[in-house]
Amino acid sequence: MLRKPSALLATSALLLLGTATQAAADTPPPAAPPAACTYTPAVPADNFKGIPVFDPVKAAKPYSATLRTGQGAITFRALTDKAPCTTYSFKFLARRHYFDRSHCHRLTTARIYVLQCGDPTGTGSGGPGYSFPDENLTGATYPAGTVAMANAGPNTNGSQFFFVWKDTKLPPAYTPFGKVTAGLDVLQKIAVGGEDDQNGPGDGFPTLPVNIKRVQIKSR
């Protein structure tokens, strides 16, 4: 059973389910800019693949990622110049098959429009065994095609991320680290399929199963 993601994307859930006053009151304060990219051991450690050691030279190299799912392929361009810590982590996990045979566990279809993935447990509370700082938040917006990190508060990024399938208003609290270049139609097809409202109206498990077969990284 899908457990309600009480922490990850928590602000988004409040925007969807709560009143505007509650959402404003519970919006996390802006995080202080991190001094450097550091991956800190953290729990949980699901499907543990180790902890990356940041290499700024390797992190700067552009790449694209293609998620091969049961609903079709989704490709995004990694924003290595704007979110090097985040994109380096994603590449580290993808090349170690962390996301293979996992599924996207959360779809929202009211007020916010995202598909959330990256949890090997499929519960909304799994993580890779480390956390790292937020990036690229100044002036962040979330138009359709944005790929951003889910989190449990400032500087708590792990493995979970979300695709924005329709323009969405969110506070600048979720690191944008990619732009969809192919497969937005796949995301929209998944969204049209609907969800089961497990977490509340317009927020639940996608009706069309989104199983990630593998993630392919291609250097540019």
Protein backbone atom coordinates (compact mmCIF):
# COMPACT_ATOMS: atom_id res chain seq x y z
CA MET A 1 0.00 0.00 0.00
CA LEU A 2 1.11 3.50 -0.72
CA ARG A 3 1.70 5.45 2.45
CA LYS A 4 0.78 9.12 2.41
CA PRO A 5 3.99 11.12 1.74
CA SER A 6 3.76 13.19 4.90
CA ALA A 7 7.20 14.72 4.47
CA LEU A 8 8.32 14.66 0.85
CA LEU A 9 6.73 17.43 -1.15
CA ALA A 10 4.96 18.35 2.09
CA THR A 11 4.46 21.97 1.14
CA SER A 12 2.85 20.90 -2.11
CA ALA A 13 0.44 18.66 -0.22
CA LEU A 14 -0.56 21.58 1.99
CA LEU A 15 -1.14 23.79 -1.02
CA LEU A 16 -3.38 21.10 -2.44
CA LEU A 17 -5.24 20.00 0.67
CA GLY A 18 -5.09 22.92 3.08
CA THR A 19 -6.28 26.50 3.07
CA ALA A 20 -4.17 29.31 1.70
CA THR A 21 -3.51 30.49 5.26
CA GLN A 22 -2.28 27.06 6.34
CA ALA A 23 -0.08 26.77 3.28
CA ALA A 24 1.56 30.13 3.92
CA ALA A 25 2.10 29.34 7.58
CA ASP A 26 3.65 25.96 6.86
CA THR A 27 5.83 26.95 3.93
CA PRO A 28 9.45 26.23 4.95
CA PRO A 29 11.73 29.28 5.30
CA PRO A 30 14.33 29.80 2.58
CA ALA A 31 17.46 27.76 3.13
CA ALA A 32 20.81 29.46 3.54
CA PRO A 33 23.04 29.02 0.47
CA PRO A 34 25.24 25.93 0.93
CA ALA A 35 28.98 26.58 1.12
CA ALA A 36 29.80 23.52 -1.00
CA CYS A 37 28.30 20.31 -2.31
CA THR A 38 28.48 17.73 0.46
CA TYR A 39 26.64 14.41 0.58
CA THR A 40 25.82 13.60 4.19
CA PRO A 41 24.92 10.10 5.41
CA ALA A 42 21.22 9.91 6.26
CA VAL A 43 18.43 7.42 6.82
CA PRO A 44 16.71 5.65 5.24
CA ALA A 45 19.18 3.84 3.01
CA ASP A 46 17.00 1.90 0.59
CA ASN A 47 18.70 0.01 -2.25
CA PHE A 48 21.95 1.53 -0.97
CA LYS A 49 24.51 2.21 -3.70
CA GLY A 50 27.09 4.14 -1.68
CA ILE A 51 27.60 7.85 -1.14
CA PRO A 52 29.00 9.99 -3.96
CA VAL A 53 32.07 12.18 -3.56
CA PHE A 54 31.53 15.40 -5.46
CA ASP A 55 33.89 16.03 -8.36
CA PRO A 56 33.32 19.54 -9.79
CA VAL A 57 35.01 18.74 -13.10
CA LYS A 58 32.87 15.67 -13.75
CA ALA A 59 29.79 17.42 -12.39
CA ALA A 60 30.12 20.22 -14.96
CA LYS A 61 29.84 17.86 -17.94
CA PRO A 62 26.42 18.19 -19.63
CA TYR A 63 24.22 15.12 -19.99
CA SER A 64 20.68 14.01 -20.70
CA ALA A 65 18.76 11.26 -18.93
CA THR A 66 16.10 9.00 -20.43
CA LEU A 67 13.69 7.12 -18.21
CA ARG A 68 12.37 4.03 -19.96
CA THR A 69 8.96 3.44 -18.41
CA GLY A 70 6.05 1.14 -19.12
CA GLN A 71 4.14 4.18 -20.41
CA GLY A 72 6.89 5.43 -22.70
CA ALA A 73 10.24 7.21 -22.60
CA ILE A 74 10.81 10.52 -20.84
CA THR A 75 14.03 12.44 -21.55
CA PHE A 76 15.34 15.49 -19.75
CA ARG A 77 18.37 17.73 -20.04
CA ALA A 78 20.26 17.98 -16.76
CA LEU A 79 20.96 21.53 -15.58
CA THR A 80 24.54 20.77 -14.63
CA ASP A 81 25.48 24.45 -14.74
CA LYS A 82 22.74 25.50 -12.29
CA ALA A 83 22.39 22.47 -10.02
CA PRO A 84 25.69 20.55 -10.18
CA CYS A 85 25.30 18.85 -6.79
CA THR A 86 21.83 17.57 -7.67
CA THR A 87 22.63 16.47 -11.21
CA TYR A 88 25.82 14.74 -10.04
CA SER A 89 23.80 12.77 -7.48
CA PHE A 90 21.14 11.79 -10.03
CA LYS A 91 23.81 10.55 -12.45
CA PHE A 92 25.58 8.66 -9.64
CA LEU A 93 22.38 6.81 -8.74
CA ALA A 94 21.24 6.21 -12.32
CA ARG A 95 24.56 4.68 -13.36
CA ARG A 96 24.33 2.32 -10.39
CA HIS A 97 20.83 1.22 -11.45
CA TYR A 98 19.24 2.72 -8.35
CA PHE A 99 16.04 3.68 -10.16
CA ASP A 100 15.73 0.48 -12.22
CA ARG A 101 12.58 -1.53 -11.50
CA SER A 102 11.14 1.22 -9.30
CA HIS A 103 7.92 3.09 -10.01
CA CYS A 104 6.53 6.58 -9.78
CA HIS A 105 4.33 6.47 -6.71
CA ARG A 106 2.49 9.79 -6.64
CA LEU A 107 0.44 11.82 -9.11
CA THR A 108 -1.28 15.12 -8.32
CA THR A 109 -4.03 16.44 -10.58
CA ALA A 110 -5.54 19.40 -8.72
CA ARG A 111 -3.88 22.78 -8.09
CA ILE A 112 -0.42 21.25 -8.43
CA TYR A 113 0.44 18.99 -11.34
CA VAL A 114 3.34 16.64 -10.70
CA LEU A 115 4.40 13.02 -11.03
CA GLN A 116 6.73 11.98 -8.20
CA CYS A 117 9.31 9.21 -8.62
CA GLY A 118 12.67 8.05 -7.27
CA ASP A 119 11.65 6.02 -4.22
CA PRO A 120 12.69 2.35 -4.55
CA THR A 121 10.23 1.42 -1.78
CA GLY A 122 7.27 2.98 -3.57
CA THR A 123 5.95 4.42 -0.32
CA GLY A 124 6.95 8.07 -0.56
CA SER A 125 9.35 7.81 2.37
CA GLY A 126 12.38 6.01 0.89
CA GLY A 127 15.84 7.44 0.36
CA PRO A 128 19.35 6.61 -0.90
CA GLY A 129 21.26 6.80 2.40
CA TYR A 130 22.46 10.39 2.05
CA SER A 131 21.16 13.94 1.74
CA PHE A 132 22.51 17.08 0.10
CA PRO A 133 21.85 20.84 -0.09
CA ASP A 134 19.29 22.74 -2.13
CA GLU A 135 20.40 24.56 -5.28
CA ASN A 136 19.03 26.85 -7.98
CA LEU A 137 16.17 28.20 -5.85
CA THR A 138 16.55 31.93 -6.48
CA GLY A 139 13.58 32.90 -8.63
CA ALA A 140 12.69 29.24 -9.20
CA THR A 141 9.46 28.56 -11.09
CA TYR A 142 7.85 25.28 -12.11
CA PRO A 143 6.46 25.37 -15.66
CA ALA A 144 5.49 22.18 -17.48
CA GLY A 145 8.57 20.10 -18.21
CA THR A 146 10.44 21.03 -15.05
CA VAL A 147 12.25 18.24 -13.20
CA ALA A 148 12.80 19.09 -9.51
CA MET A 149 13.70 17.47 -6.21
CA ALA A 150 11.14 16.44 -3.62
CA ASN A 151 12.26 17.06 -0.05
CA ALA A 152 11.35 17.00 3.64
CA GLY A 153 12.47 20.59 4.29
CA PRO A 154 15.49 22.73 3.46
CA ASN A 155 18.63 20.83 2.39
CA THR A 156 17.10 17.34 2.72
CA ASN A 157 17.36 16.18 -0.89
CA GLY A 158 17.80 12.47 -1.51
CA SER A 159 16.61 10.36 -4.44
CA GLN A 160 12.98 11.44 -4.87
CA PHE A 161 12.14 13.88 -7.64
CA PHE A 162 9.13 15.02 -9.60
CA PHE A 163 8.13 15.92 -13.14
CA VAL A 164 5.84 18.89 -13.65
CA TRP A 165 3.34 17.88 -16.34
CA LYS A 166 1.39 21.18 -16.34
CA ASP A 167 2.42 24.69 -15.26
CA THR A 168 2.37 24.70 -11.45
CA LYS A 169 2.74 27.40 -8.81
CA LEU A 170 5.01 26.31 -5.98
CA PRO A 171 7.21 28.22 -3.55
CA PRO A 172 10.87 28.23 -4.63
CA ALA A 173 11.71 25.41 -2.22
CA TYR A 174 12.32 22.49 -4.59
CA THR A 175 15.58 22.35 -6.56
CA PRO A 176 14.91 22.49 -10.33
CA PHE A 177 17.57 20.34 -11.98
CA GLY A 178 16.24 19.33 -15.39
CA LYS A 179 14.07 20.25 -18.37
CA VAL A 180 12.04 17.64 -20.24
CA THR A 181 13.08 17.53 -23.91
CA ALA A 182 10.97 14.54 -24.98
CA GLY A 183 8.12 12.69 -23.36
CA LEU A 184 5.95 15.51 -22.03
CA ASP A 185 3.13 13.80 -23.91
CA VAL A 186 3.86 10.64 -21.92
CA LEU A 187 3.53 12.58 -18.67
CA GLN A 188 0.29 14.13 -19.84
CA LYS A 189 -1.08 10.71 -20.84
CA ILE A 190 -0.29 9.44 -17.33
CA ALA A 191 -2.03 12.49 -15.85
CA VAL A 192 -5.15 12.00 -17.98
CA GLY A 193 -5.30 8.43 -16.67
CA GLY A 194 -5.89 9.86 -13.21
CA GLU A 195 -5.02 8.72 -9.70
CA ASP A 196 -6.77 7.02 -6.79
CA ASP A 197 -7.04 9.90 -4.24
CA GLN A 198 -5.17 7.87 -1.58
CA ASN A 199 -3.64 11.04 -0.17
CA GLY A 200 -6.72 13.20 -0.68
CA PRO A 201 -8.67 14.60 -3.63
CA GLY A 202 -6.43 14.87 -6.67
CA ASP A 203 -3.44 13.25 -4.94
CA GLY A 204 -2.67 9.56 -5.06
CA PHE A 205 -1.18 6.59 -6.86
CA PRO A 206 -1.31 6.90 -10.68
CA THR A 207 -3.96 4.73 -12.29
CA LEU A 208 -1.63 4.00 -15.20
CA PRO A 209 1.36 2.20 -13.63
CA VAL A 210 4.62 4.07 -14.24
CA ASN A 211 7.28 1.41 -13.87
CA ILE A 212 10.83 2.60 -14.52
CA LYS A 213 12.66 -0.13 -16.38
CA ARG A 214 15.98 1.68 -16.54
CA VAL A 215 17.51 5.16 -16.72
CA GLN A 216 20.01 5.87 -19.47
CA ILE A 217 22.58 8.66 -19.13
CA LYS A 218 23.96 10.19 -22.31
CA SER A 219 26.82 12.68 -22.22
CA ARG A 220 26.35 15.72 -24.44
